[in-house]
Amino acid sequence: MITKRAHVKMAAFFVLNCVLKALSASVAWPTTSSTSVLDVLRELDIANAQIRTDPEAIALASADFGNVSVAATLPAAVLYPSCPADIAMLVRASCASASPFPVSARGCGHSIRGQASAPGGVVVDMPSLGRHTDSSARLAVSVEGRYIDAGGEQLWVDVLHAALAHGLTPRSWTDYLHLTVGGTLSNAGISGQAFRHGPQISNVYELDVVTGTGEIVTCSKEKDADLFDAVLGGLGQFGIITRARIPLVPAPARARWVRLIYADAAALTGDQERLIDERGALAGFMDYVEGSVLTDYQGLIGSWRSQPPSSFFSEADAARVAALAEKAGGVLYSLEGAVYYGGAGNTSAADVDKGLEVMLRELRYARGFAFVQDVSYVEFLDRVHGGELKLRAEGLWDVPHPWLNLFLPRSRILDFAAGVFHGVLRRDRAAGPVLVYPMNRGKWDGETSAVFPDEEEVFYTVGILRSAVADGDLARMEEQNARITHFCEDAGIPYWQYLSYYATQAEWATRHFGPGRWGRFVERKSKYDPKAILSRGQRIFTYPLA
């Protein structure tokens, strides 16, 4: 009998073997485009960088977390730069070519459908920058200036530890810290802290960027502001981030981690909105506010993103939660929050206890279903990594991830919950974490390239984060994603995708950006990457620009 773990390993081996066969058959450079790219690369005089065209390097550069499609996004080569100037030289070489070839920066490959690849072009292995330079030069803290200069290739978990060594910390995070600085800033960078501090792109002082013309530009809100705004949330279309200056604040030491169970969506979202309301009675108490949808069939796959050091629930608690879920029709909700204290902050454990007592009286969770743990600040911020390690141990990490992330207006979140959480997802029993939490629009900078709802003061993030483990899961989950978006369209619920994927420029223009944003996006592309060299894996622009 083949175990699930063995089956997953065999499937992964099969996929890699197919990629290598495809490479040896069709990417041993018989095509004109691949040959011309290699000719250009041979003429580059990059002293300490390395360029690889072997099947192993190509396969690694083509793979990503989504693990959905590889063959259609194969690059011709991979550049391992020693410094930003190597990247700039590569981009300039593409610009000077008769047929400009794609160049894409790849950090951890956490994209879903090959967005970080460069079809027929060159993938830049960003972690190589850190391997060629002393780490202190790529992660430099200014205690007096209250900022950290971080290389675009640096992981946020390393940014955290470098800042904590000086009693400081960034304010805004992603839930998963093992991603690169340049990667999250090219999207938005969101988590349960964004309601207060905005996304990560709203927490940047300065950038070093290699533009699509091969210039190395230092930009900020005061200098080359349009480029600065374009790159933040720009999906890699306008420049490759090689350094970011991130503001720092005094770091807390501990986190009071709270989970409250709700029997209905209205009570959950109402309480979440009270907690993020900057003028309300509970304003300022919680430092982190998120939420999730709980079902009776999730297991490890469904709960991996929020692993505490030990379980929140005893066996008796788990039995009570299961009974409540059955009574509620199989769907519950959880409000997950944290209060930071100690360390360089001025909040004590006694202050937290008093505030928590008031909050628990005010909120409308199911009485008797409040669970609290006390962990270190680092343990809380890096909690998702623990879930990753558990999935890796079970052979459940390197599987397809047909994720769907949506921004929804506050006024329609309950309609979405009824149709999707209690409808589409419940019928299909698709396992995987489902996140739902609000953000304040005023914390987002409308001058950046990020797309978000701007009609209402509060909007919601819904992350449907599935893993396709068994045969047939991927096709079923992709079909389910389509049903979810079709439900929104039929119900008249506006939605915007985060970590978006569209197959054509027309879809990007109409379904993602819309007429109010598309014109500016195209104008910036023409200005900073006129030959459409950067990030063609996103499938937004082709050469020549229309």
Foldseek 3Di string as FASTA:
>chain_A
DQDLLNVLVVVVVVVLVVQLVCCVVPLVPPDPLLVLQVVLVVPDDQPPKDKDQHSVVQQVQQDAQQRPDRNQQTERIEILHQALLVVLSSLQSLVPDPHRFAEFEDARRHANFRLRGTRHHYYYHLVSNVVNDPVCVQWPDDPVVQKTKHFQNDFQLVNQVSQVVVQKGFQAAALARRTGNQVCQLAFAHFQQCQPQNTQVLFFAWWFWQFSNSDTDIDGCVRPNLLSQARGNVSFLTTGTGIIIGGIDRAFWKKKKKKFKALADVLLQVLQVQDSPCPHPNHPFFNGKWKWKDFPQAPLQAPLSAAAPDDQDDPVRVVVVVVSCVVSVGIMMMIITIGTHHRPDPDDPVNNVVSVVVSVVPGDTDPPGMTIDMGTPSCRSNVSVRSLVVCVVSSQRSFRKPKWKKKFAPVCPNVLCVCPVVHLCVVVVFYHIKMKHKHAPVSDDPSHLHDHDDPDRMIMMIMGIGGQSDPPSVVVVVVSVVVSVVVCVVVVTQIETRSDADQEQVCCDPNHQHPVRNVSSLVSSCVRNQQSRYSCSSRNAHPNGD
